[in-house]
All heavy atoms as atom14 arrays in JSON, in Angstrom:
{
  "sequence": "ILIWLRNLFIFLFVFSLLWVVAGKVVPVYYTPLMFIRLYEQFQD",
  "atom14_mask": [
    [1, 1, 1, 1, 1, 1, 1, 1, 0, 0, 0, 0, 0, 0],
    [1, 1, 1, 1, 1, 1, 1, 1, 0, 0, 0, 0, 0, 0],
    [1, 1, 1, 1, 1, 1, 1, 1, 0, 0, 0, 0, 0, 0],
    [1, 1, 1, 1, 1, 1, 1, 1, 1, 1, 1, 1, 1, 1],
    [1, 1, 1, 1, 1, 1, 1, 1, 0, 0, 0, 0, 0, 0],
    [1, 1, 1, 1, 1, 1, 1, 1, 1, 1, 1, 0, 0, 0],
    [1, 1, 1, 1, 1, 1, 1, 1, 0, 0, 0, 0, 0, 0],
    [1, 1, 1, 1, 1, 1, 1, 1, 0, 0, 0, 0, 0, 0],
    [1, 1, 1, 1, 1, 1, 1, 1, 1, 1, 1, 0, 0, 0],
    [1, 1, 1, 1, 1, 1, 1, 1, 0, 0, 0, 0, 0, 0],
    [1, 1, 1, 1, 1, 1, 1, 1, 1, 1, 1, 0, 0, 0],
    [1, 1, 1, 1, 1, 1, 1, 1, 0, 0, 0, 0, 0, 0],
    [1, 1, 1, 1, 1, 1, 1, 1, 1, 1, 1, 0, 0, 0],
    [1, 1, 1, 1, 1, 1, 1, 0, 0, 0, 0, 0, 0, 0],
    [1, 1, 1, 1, 1, 1, 1, 1, 1, 1, 1, 0, 0, 0],
    [1, 1, 1, 1, 1, 1, 0, 0, 0, 0, 0, 0, 0, 0],
    [1, 1, 1, 1, 1, 1, 1, 1, 0, 0, 0, 0, 0, 0],
    [1, 1, 1, 1, 1, 1, 1, 1, 0, 0, 0, 0, 0, 0],
    [1, 1, 1, 1, 1, 1, 1, 1, 1, 1, 1, 1, 1, 1],
    [1, 1, 1, 1, 1, 1, 1, 0, 0, 0, 0, 0, 0, 0],
    [1, 1, 1, 1, 1, 1, 1, 0, 0, 0, 0, 0, 0, 0],
    [1, 1, 1, 1, 1, 0, 0, 0, 0, 0, 0, 0, 0, 0],
    [1, 1, 1, 1, 0, 0, 0, 0, 0, 0, 0, 0, 0, 0],
    [1, 1, 1, 1, 1, 1, 1, 1, 1, 0, 0, 0, 0, 0],
    [1, 1, 1, 1, 1, 1, 1, 0, 0, 0, 0, 0, 0, 0],
    [1, 1, 1, 1, 1, 1, 1, 0, 0, 0, 0, 0, 0, 0],
    [1, 1, 1, 1, 1, 1, 1, 0, 0, 0, 0, 0, 0, 0],
    [1, 1, 1, 1, 1, 1, 1, 0, 0, 0, 0, 0, 0, 0],
    [1, 1, 1, 1, 1, 1, 1, 1, 1, 1, 1, 1, 0, 0],
    [1, 1, 1, 1, 1, 1, 1, 1, 1, 1, 1, 1, 0, 0],
    [1, 1, 1, 1, 1, 1, 1, 0, 0, 0, 0, 0, 0, 0],
    [1, 1, 1, 1, 1, 1, 1, 0, 0, 0, 0, 0, 0, 0],
    [1, 1, 1, 1, 1, 1, 1, 1, 0, 0, 0, 0, 0, 0],
    [1, 1, 1, 1, 1, 1, 1, 1, 0, 0, 0, 0, 0, 0],
    [1, 1, 1, 1, 1, 1, 1, 1, 1, 1, 1, 0, 0, 0],
    [1, 1, 1, 1, 1, 1, 1, 1, 0, 0, 0, 0, 0, 0],
    [1, 1, 1, 1, 1, 1, 1, 1, 1, 1, 1, 0, 0, 0],
    [1, 1, 1, 1, 1, 1, 1, 1, 0, 0, 0, 0, 0, 0],
    [1, 1, 1, 1, 1, 1, 1, 1, 1, 1, 1, 1, 0, 0],
    [1, 1, 1, 1, 1, 1, 1, 1, 1, 0, 0, 0, 0, 0],
    [1, 1, 1, 1, 1, 1, 1, 1, 1, 0, 0, 0, 0, 0],
    [1, 1, 1, 1, 1, 1, 1, 1, 1, 1, 1, 0, 0, 0],
    [1, 1, 1, 1, 1, 1, 1, 1, 1, 0, 0, 0, 0, 0],
    [1, 1, 1, 1, 1, 1, 1, 1, 0, 0, 0, 0, 0, 0]
  ],
  "atom14_positions": [
    [[-18.57, 9.81, -52.24], [-19.0, 8.92, -51.21], [-18.68, 7.42, -51.69], [-18.14, 6.54, -50.93], [-20.39, 8.97, -50.85], [-20.62, 10.32, -50.18], [-20.91, 7.85, -49.98], [-22.14, 10.65, -49.9], [0.0, 0.0, 0.0], [0.0, 0.0, 0.0], [0.0, 0.0, 0.0], [0.0, 0.0, 0.0], [0.0, 0.0, 0.0], [0.0, 0.0, 0.0]],
    [[-18.98, 7.06, -52.96], [-18.76, 5.63, -53.42], [-17.29, 5.48, -53.49], [-16.9, 4.27, -53.23], [-19.4, 5.62, -54.87], [-20.95, 5.6, -54.87], [-21.45, 5.55, -56.29], [-21.47, 4.44, -54.12], [0.0, 0.0, 0.0], [0.0, 0.0, 0.0], [0.0, 0.0, 0.0], [0.0, 0.0, 0.0], [0.0, 0.0, 0.0], [0.0, 0.0, 0.0]],
    [[-16.45, 6.45, -53.91], [-15.08, 6.25, -54.02], [-14.47, 5.98, -52.53], [-13.63, 5.11, -52.34], [-14.35, 7.39, -54.6], [-14.76, 7.56, -56.12], [-12.79, 7.37, -54.48], [-14.21, 8.69, -56.83], [0.0, 0.0, 0.0], [0.0, 0.0, 0.0], [0.0, 0.0, 0.0], [0.0, 0.0, 0.0], [0.0, 0.0, 0.0], [0.0, 0.0, 0.0]],
    [[-15.06, 6.77, -51.52], [-14.53, 6.57, -50.29], [-14.93, 5.21, -49.67], [-14.07, 4.59, -49.03], [-15.21, 7.74, -49.37], [-14.74, 7.7, -47.92], [-13.65, 8.24, -47.35], [-15.47, 7.04, -46.86], [-13.62, 7.95, -45.97], [-14.63, 7.17, -45.73], [-16.64, 6.29, -46.81], [-15.04, 6.71, -44.42], [-16.98, 5.8, -45.61], [-16.22, 5.96, -44.37]],
    [[-16.13, 4.76, -50.0], [-16.49, 3.5, -49.5], [-15.76, 2.38, -50.2], [-15.33, 1.32, -49.56], [-18.04, 3.25, -49.85], [-19.01, 4.03, -49.02], [-20.43, 3.85, -49.51], [-18.94, 3.61, -47.52], [0.0, 0.0, 0.0], [0.0, 0.0, 0.0], [0.0, 0.0, 0.0], [0.0, 0.0, 0.0], [0.0, 0.0, 0.0], [0.0, 0.0, 0.0]],
    [[-15.49, 2.52, -51.46], [-14.56, 1.58, -52.2], [-13.16, 1.5, -51.4], [-12.65, 0.47, -51.3], [-14.45, 1.98, -53.68], [-13.62, 0.96, -54.46], [-12.99, 1.65, -55.69], [-12.18, 2.66, -55.41], [-11.64, 3.67, -56.32], [-11.92, 3.48, -57.59], [-10.9, 4.48, -55.95], [0.0, 0.0, 0.0], [0.0, 0.0, 0.0], [0.0, 0.0, 0.0]],
    [[-12.56, 2.65, -51.21], [-11.28, 2.59, -50.7], [-11.34, 2.11, -49.28], [-10.34, 1.36, -48.84], [-10.74, 4.06, -50.65], [-10.41, 4.64, -52.08], [-10.31, 3.89, -53.0], [-10.38, 6.02, -52.1], [0.0, 0.0, 0.0], [0.0, 0.0, 0.0], [0.0, 0.0, 0.0], [0.0, 0.0, 0.0], [0.0, 0.0, 0.0], [0.0, 0.0, 0.0]],
    [[-12.39, 2.35, -48.48], [-12.47, 1.75, -47.22], [-12.64, 0.38, -47.26], [-11.92, -0.47, -46.43], [-13.71, 2.35, -46.43], [-13.96, 1.8, -45.03], [-12.88, 2.15, -44.09], [-15.32, 2.34, -44.62], [0.0, 0.0, 0.0], [0.0, 0.0, 0.0], [0.0, 0.0, 0.0], [0.0, 0.0, 0.0], [0.0, 0.0, 0.0], [0.0, 0.0, 0.0]],
    [[-13.4, -0.23, -48.16], [-13.51, -1.66, -48.35], [-12.12, -2.31, -48.72], [-11.81, -3.36, -48.08], [-14.55, -1.98, -49.42], [-14.72, -3.43, -49.76], [-15.43, -4.28, -48.89], [-14.07, -3.99, -50.86], [-15.62, -5.66, -49.17], [-14.17, -5.4, -51.07], [-14.92, -6.14, -50.25], [0.0, 0.0, 0.0], [0.0, 0.0, 0.0], [0.0, 0.0, 0.0]],
    [[-11.43, -1.75, -49.54], [-10.15, -2.27, -49.9], [-9.16, -2.3, -48.78], [-8.45, -3.23, -48.56], [-9.6, -1.43, -51.19], [-10.39, -1.62, -52.42], [-8.09, -1.84, -51.47], [-9.98, -0.81, -53.62], [0.0, 0.0, 0.0], [0.0, 0.0, 0.0], [0.0, 0.0, 0.0], [0.0, 0.0, 0.0], [0.0, 0.0, 0.0], [0.0, 0.0, 0.0]],
    [[-9.2, -1.18, -48.04], [-8.31, -1.04, -46.88], [-8.66, -2.13, -45.88], [-7.81, -2.87, -45.39], [-8.44, 0.33, -46.22], [-7.76, 0.34, -44.89], [-6.46, 0.51, -44.84], [-8.57, 0.33, -43.75], [-5.79, 0.59, -43.52], [-7.92, 0.4, -42.57], [-6.59, 0.48, -42.4], [0.0, 0.0, 0.0], [0.0, 0.0, 0.0], [0.0, 0.0, 0.0]],
    [[-9.98, -2.3, -45.52], [-10.34, -3.34, -44.55], [-9.94, -4.68, -45.06], [-9.53, -5.56, -44.29], [-11.84, -3.26, -44.28], [-12.24, -1.96, -43.57], [-13.75, -1.88, -43.38], [-11.62, -1.86, -42.14], [0.0, 0.0, 0.0], [0.0, 0.0, 0.0], [0.0, 0.0, 0.0], [0.0, 0.0, 0.0], [0.0, 0.0, 0.0], [0.0, 0.0, 0.0]],
    [[-10.19, -5.04, -46.36], [-9.87, -6.33, -46.91], [-8.39, -6.58, -46.76], [-8.01, -7.68, -46.25], [-10.25, -6.38, -48.29], [-9.95, -7.58, -49.05], [-10.63, -8.79, -48.72], [-9.04, -7.67, -50.06], [-10.28, -10.04, -49.28], [-8.79, -8.83, -50.72], [-9.42, -9.97, -50.3], [0.0, 0.0, 0.0], [0.0, 0.0, 0.0], [0.0, 0.0, 0.0]],
    [[-7.51, -5.73, -47.17], [-6.1, -5.85, -47.14], [-5.67, -6.04, -45.71], [-4.84, -6.86, -45.31], [-5.35, -4.74, -47.87], [-3.95, -4.89, -47.56], [-5.67, -4.72, -49.37], [0.0, 0.0, 0.0], [0.0, 0.0, 0.0], [0.0, 0.0, 0.0], [0.0, 0.0, 0.0], [0.0, 0.0, 0.0], [0.0, 0.0, 0.0], [0.0, 0.0, 0.0]],
    [[-6.08, -5.13, -44.81], [-5.9, -5.21, -43.4], [-6.22, -6.51, -42.76], [-5.4, -7.1, -42.12], [-6.58, -4.04, -42.58], [-6.27, -4.11, -41.12], [-5.05, -3.55, -40.67], [-7.2, -4.57, -40.29], [-4.78, -3.65, -39.33], [-6.92, -4.55, -38.94], [-5.73, -4.1, -38.45], [0.0, 0.0, 0.0], [0.0, 0.0, 0.0], [0.0, 0.0, 0.0]],
    [[-7.38, -7.06, -43.17], [-7.78, -8.37, -42.58], [-6.89, -9.49, -43.06], [-6.49, -10.38, -42.25], [-9.24, -8.64, -43.01], [-9.34, -8.84, -44.35], [0.0, 0.0, 0.0], [0.0, 0.0, 0.0], [0.0, 0.0, 0.0], [0.0, 0.0, 0.0], [0.0, 0.0, 0.0], [0.0, 0.0, 0.0], [0.0, 0.0, 0.0], [0.0, 0.0, 0.0]],
    [[-6.41, -9.44, -44.32], [-5.49, -10.46, -44.83], [-4.19, -10.39, -44.19], [-3.71, -11.42, -43.66], [-5.29, -10.24, -46.34], [-6.5, -10.57, -47.22], [-6.05, -10.35, -48.71], [-6.87, -12.06, -47.17], [0.0, 0.0, 0.0], [0.0, 0.0, 0.0], [0.0, 0.0, 0.0], [0.0, 0.0, 0.0], [0.0, 0.0, 0.0], [0.0, 0.0, 0.0]],
    [[-3.68, -9.14, -43.97], [-2.42, -9.03, -43.24], [-2.5, -9.45, -41.84], [-1.53, -10.07, -41.22], [-1.9, -7.54, -43.27], [-1.6, -7.08, -44.67], [-1.2, -5.59, -44.64], [-0.38, -7.82, -45.25], [0.0, 0.0, 0.0], [0.0, 0.0, 0.0], [0.0, 0.0, 0.0], [0.0, 0.0, 0.0], [0.0, 0.0, 0.0], [0.0, 0.0, 0.0]],
    [[-3.65, -9.19, -41.14], [-3.89, -9.55, -39.68], [-3.85, -11.16, -39.59], [-3.24, -11.59, -38.73], [-5.28, -9.02, -39.3], [-5.46, -9.06, -37.89], [-4.58, -9.5, -36.76], [-6.68, -8.57, -37.17], [-5.31, -9.33, -35.66], [-6.49, -8.74, -35.77], [-7.82, -7.99, -37.62], [-7.43, -8.38, -34.83], [-8.79, -7.58, -36.69], [-8.59, -7.88, -35.34]],
    [[-4.52, -11.74, -40.49], [-4.56, -13.16, -40.44], [-3.23, -13.85, -40.83], [-2.8, -14.74, -40.08], [-5.64, -13.74, -41.49], [-5.53, -15.26, -41.68], [-7.02, -13.34, -41.08], [0.0, 0.0, 0.0], [0.0, 0.0, 0.0], [0.0, 0.0, 0.0], [0.0, 0.0, 0.0], [0.0, 0.0, 0.0], [0.0, 0.0, 0.0], [0.0, 0.0, 0.0]],
    [[-2.5, -13.35, -41.69], [-1.15, -13.81, -42.1], [-0.24, -13.65, -40.89], [0.48, -14.56, -40.49], [-0.59, -13.08, -43.38], [0.91, -13.41, -43.52], [-1.41, -13.42, -44.58], [0.0, 0.0, 0.0], [0.0, 0.0, 0.0], [0.0, 0.0, 0.0], [0.0, 0.0, 0.0], [0.0, 0.0, 0.0], [0.0, 0.0, 0.0], [0.0, 0.0, 0.0]],
    [[-0.28, -12.47, -40.25], [0.54, -12.24, -39.06], [0.12, -13.25, -37.84], [0.99, -13.72, -37.14], [0.29, -10.87, -38.54], [0.0, 0.0, 0.0], [0.0, 0.0, 0.0], [0.0, 0.0, 0.0], [0.0, 0.0, 0.0], [0.0, 0.0, 0.0], [0.0, 0.0, 0.0], [0.0, 0.0, 0.0], [0.0, 0.0, 0.0], [0.0, 0.0, 0.0]],
    [[-1.17, -13.47, -37.8], [-1.64, -14.43, -36.76], [-1.16, -15.81, -36.93], [-1.21, -16.6, -36.02], [0.0, 0.0, 0.0], [0.0, 0.0, 0.0], [0.0, 0.0, 0.0], [0.0, 0.0, 0.0], [0.0, 0.0, 0.0], [0.0, 0.0, 0.0], [0.0, 0.0, 0.0], [0.0, 0.0, 0.0], [0.0, 0.0, 0.0], [0.0, 0.0, 0.0]],
    [[-0.69, -16.21, -38.17], [-0.09, -17.53, -38.38], [1.2, -17.83, -37.55], [1.49, -18.89, -37.28], [0.12, -17.76, -39.89], [0.64, -19.12, -40.2], [0.6, -19.29, -41.7], [1.28, -20.71, -42.07], [0.44, -21.86, -41.64], [0.0, 0.0, 0.0], [0.0, 0.0, 0.0], [0.0, 0.0, 0.0], [0.0, 0.0, 0.0], [0.0, 0.0, 0.0]],
    [[1.89, -16.61, -37.36], [3.2, -16.9, -36.68], [3.33, -16.07, -35.43], [4.24, -16.33, -34.55], [4.33, -16.48, -37.6], [4.43, -17.48, -38.79], [4.18, -15.03, -38.19], [0.0, 0.0, 0.0], [0.0, 0.0, 0.0], [0.0, 0.0, 0.0], [0.0, 0.0, 0.0], [0.0, 0.0, 0.0], [0.0, 0.0, 0.0], [0.0, 0.0, 0.0]],
    [[2.62, -15.01, -35.26], [2.73, -14.13, -33.99], [1.87, -14.59, -32.9], [0.65, -14.81, -33.21], [2.34, -12.68, -34.4], [2.51, -11.88, -33.05], [3.34, -12.13, -35.48], [0.0, 0.0, 0.0], [0.0, 0.0, 0.0], [0.0, 0.0, 0.0], [0.0, 0.0, 0.0], [0.0, 0.0, 0.0], [0.0, 0.0, 0.0], [0.0, 0.0, 0.0]],
    [[2.34, -14.82, -31.7], [1.51, -15.22, -30.57], [0.37, -14.21, -30.4], [0.56, -13.02, -30.5], [2.44, -15.37, -29.43], [3.77, -15.54, -30.0], [3.78, -14.75, -31.32], [0.0, 0.0, 0.0], [0.0, 0.0, 0.0], [0.0, 0.0, 0.0], [0.0, 0.0, 0.0], [0.0, 0.0, 0.0], [0.0, 0.0, 0.0], [0.0, 0.0, 0.0]],
    [[-0.8, -14.71, -29.89], [-2.02, -13.85, -29.68], [-2.05, -13.69, -28.21], [-2.51, -14.48, -27.5], [-3.27, -14.54, -30.22], [-4.44, -13.66, -29.85], [-3.19, -14.83, -31.67], [0.0, 0.0, 0.0], [0.0, 0.0, 0.0], [0.0, 0.0, 0.0], [0.0, 0.0, 0.0], [0.0, 0.0, 0.0], [0.0, 0.0, 0.0], [0.0, 0.0, 0.0]],
    [[-1.43, -12.56, -27.77], [-1.38, -12.24, -26.33], [-2.63, -11.64, -25.83], [-2.95, -11.85, -24.69], [-0.27, -11.28, -25.99], [1.14, -11.93, -26.39], [1.95, -11.48, -27.31], [1.63, -12.97, -25.61], [3.18, -11.98, -27.55], [2.89, -13.59, -25.84], [3.68, -13.1, -26.8], [4.84, -13.66, -27.07], [0.0, 0.0, 0.0], [0.0, 0.0, 0.0]],
    [[-3.45, -10.95, -26.57], [-4.66, -10.25, -26.17], [-5.67, -10.42, -27.23], [-5.34, -10.48, -28.42], [-4.35, -8.84, -25.84], [-3.36, -8.51, -24.7], [-2.09, -8.13, -25.06], [-3.75, -8.71, -23.33], [-1.1, -8.04, -24.03], [-2.78, -8.48, -22.39], [-1.58, -8.19, -22.71], [-0.54, -7.95, -21.69], [0.0, 0.0, 0.0], [0.0, 0.0, 0.0]],
    [[-6.96, -10.54, -26.85], [-8.05, -10.59, -27.61], [-9.15, -9.5, -27.32], [-9.15, -9.04, -26.15], [-8.71, -11.97, -27.64], [-9.32, -12.21, -26.34], [-7.68, -13.12, -27.92], [0.0, 0.0, 0.0], [0.0, 0.0, 0.0], [0.0, 0.0, 0.0], [0.0, 0.0, 0.0], [0.0, 0.0, 0.0], [0.0, 0.0, 0.0], [0.0, 0.0, 0.0]],
    [[-10.01, -9.23, -28.1], [-11.03, -8.22, -27.85], [-11.86, -8.56, -26.65], [-12.22, -7.78, -25.79], [-11.91, -8.09, -29.14], [-10.99, -8.54, -30.18], [-10.0, -9.53, -29.63], [0.0, 0.0, 0.0], [0.0, 0.0, 0.0], [0.0, 0.0, 0.0], [0.0, 0.0, 0.0], [0.0, 0.0, 0.0], [0.0, 0.0, 0.0], [0.0, 0.0, 0.0]],
    [[-12.1, -9.94, -26.51], [-13.0, -10.42, -25.39], [-12.27, -10.14, -24.07], [-13.01, -9.83, -23.03], [-13.19, -11.87, -25.48], [-13.97, -12.49, -24.35], [-15.38, -11.9, -24.32], [-14.09, -14.04, -24.5], [0.0, 0.0, 0.0], [0.0, 0.0, 0.0], [0.0, 0.0, 0.0], [0.0, 0.0, 0.0], [0.0, 0.0, 0.0], [0.0, 0.0, 0.0]],
    [[-10.99, -10.15, -23.96], [-10.2, -9.9, -22.78], [-10.45, -8.49, -22.23], [-10.75, -8.27, -21.01], [-8.78, -10.18, -22.9], [-8.34, -11.53, -23.17], [-6.58, -11.66, -23.45], [-6.43, -13.43, -24.01], [0.0, 0.0, 0.0], [0.0, 0.0, 0.0], [0.0, 0.0, 0.0], [0.0, 0.0, 0.0], [0.0, 0.0, 0.0], [0.0, 0.0, 0.0]],
    [[-10.47, -7.55, -23.13], [-10.66, -6.09, -22.83], [-12.13, -5.86, -22.54], [-12.53, -5.04, -21.59], [-10.15, -5.22, -23.93], [-8.82, -5.28, -24.16], [-8.22, -5.85, -25.29], [-7.82, -4.64, -23.23], [-6.79, -5.98, -25.46], [-6.51, -4.72, -23.4], [-5.91, -5.33, -24.54], [0.0, 0.0, 0.0], [0.0, 0.0, 0.0], [0.0, 0.0, 0.0]],
    [[-13.04, -6.57, -23.15], [-14.48, -6.4, -22.86], [-14.8, -7.02, -21.48], [-15.5, -6.3, -20.66], [-15.35, -7.28, -23.94], [-15.24, -6.49, -25.26], [-16.74, -7.4, -23.43], [-15.82, -7.33, -26.38], [0.0, 0.0, 0.0], [0.0, 0.0, 0.0], [0.0, 0.0, 0.0], [0.0, 0.0, 0.0], [0.0, 0.0, 0.0], [0.0, 0.0, 0.0]],
    [[-14.22, -8.08, -21.1], [-14.37, -8.61, -19.75], [-13.8, -7.67, -18.69], [-14.34, -7.51, -17.57], [-13.74, -10.04, -19.71], [-14.35, -11.08, -20.56], [-15.81, -11.34, -20.04], [-16.43, -12.39, -20.82], [-17.5, -12.52, -21.4], [-18.32, -11.4, -21.37], [-18.0, -13.46, -21.99], [0.0, 0.0, 0.0], [0.0, 0.0, 0.0], [0.0, 0.0, 0.0]],
    [[-12.64, -7.1, -18.91], [-12.05, -6.14, -18.05], [-13.02, -4.97, -17.74], [-13.18, -4.5, -16.73], [-10.69, -5.68, -18.48], [-9.48, -6.61, -18.34], [-8.27, -5.99, -18.96], [-9.27, -6.93, -16.91], [0.0, 0.0, 0.0], [0.0, 0.0, 0.0], [0.0, 0.0, 0.0], [0.0, 0.0, 0.0], [0.0, 0.0, 0.0], [0.0, 0.0, 0.0]],
    [[-13.54, -4.55, -18.86], [-14.57, -3.43, -18.82], [-15.77, -3.77, -17.97], [-16.26, -3.01, -17.11], [-14.94, -2.9, -20.17], [-15.99, -1.81, -20.1], [-15.53, -0.55, -19.67], [-17.3, -2.04, -20.4], [-16.49, 0.5, -19.65], [-18.19, -0.97, -20.4], [-17.86, 0.31, -20.0], [-18.83, 1.31, -19.96], [0.0, 0.0, 0.0], [0.0, 0.0, 0.0]],
    [[-16.23, -4.98, -18.23], [-17.39, -5.47, -17.38], [-17.14, -5.61, -15.89], [-17.87, -5.34, -15.1], [-17.85, -6.82, -17.93], [-18.49, -6.83, -19.38], [-18.78, -8.1, -19.98], [-18.3, -9.18, -19.4], [-19.37, -8.17, -20.96], [0.0, 0.0, 0.0], [0.0, 0.0, 0.0], [0.0, 0.0, 0.0], [0.0, 0.0, 0.0], [0.0, 0.0, 0.0]],
    [[-15.89, -6.14, -15.62], [-15.47, -6.19, -14.2], [-15.4, -4.79, -13.57], [-15.81, -4.69, -12.4], [-14.07, -6.88, -14.1], [-14.01, -8.38, -14.49], [-12.61, -8.87, -14.74], [-11.64, -8.21, -14.49], [-12.53, -10.06, -15.27], [0.0, 0.0, 0.0], [0.0, 0.0, 0.0], [0.0, 0.0, 0.0], [0.0, 0.0, 0.0], [0.0, 0.0, 0.0]],
    [[-14.82, -3.86, -14.36], [-14.78, -2.5, -13.87], [-16.2, -1.91, -13.54], [-16.46, -1.31, -12.52], [-14.07, -1.58, -14.88], [-14.01, -0.09, -14.52], [-13.17, 0.33, -13.5], [-14.91, 0.76, -15.09], [-13.24, 1.69, -13.14], [-14.89, 2.07, -14.82], [-14.07, 2.52, -13.75], [0.0, 0.0, 0.0], [0.0, 0.0, 0.0], [0.0, 0.0, 0.0]],
    [[-17.12, -2.17, -14.52], [-18.51, -1.72, -14.38], [-19.2, -2.28, -13.15], [-19.95, -1.62, -12.53], [-19.25, -2.04, -15.64], [-18.93, -1.2, -16.88], [-19.4, 0.31, -16.68], [-18.66, 1.11, -16.27], [-20.62, 0.47, -17.22], [0.0, 0.0, 0.0], [0.0, 0.0, 0.0], [0.0, 0.0, 0.0], [0.0, 0.0, 0.0], [0.0, 0.0, 0.0]],
    [[-18.83, -3.5, -12.88], [-19.55, -4.21, -11.81], [-18.77, -4.02, -10.51], [-19.22, -4.57, -9.41], [-19.56, -5.85, -12.08], [-20.41, -6.08, -13.33], [-21.31, -5.27, -13.56], [-20.27, -7.19, -13.82], [0.0, 0.0, 0.0], [0.0, 0.0, 0.0], [0.0, 0.0, 0.0], [0.0, 0.0, 0.0], [0.0, 0.0, 0.0], [0.0, 0.0, 0.0]]
  ]
}
């Protein structure tokens, strides 16, 4: 379990770094909030 948690932490850390680096040059066309609002509109 500890090894799995360690690997998960490393993966999330590396993924977050790559996500931020990509965000420096790649346009942000969609965000989590956009999809949340769409779901709220659908629910209402």
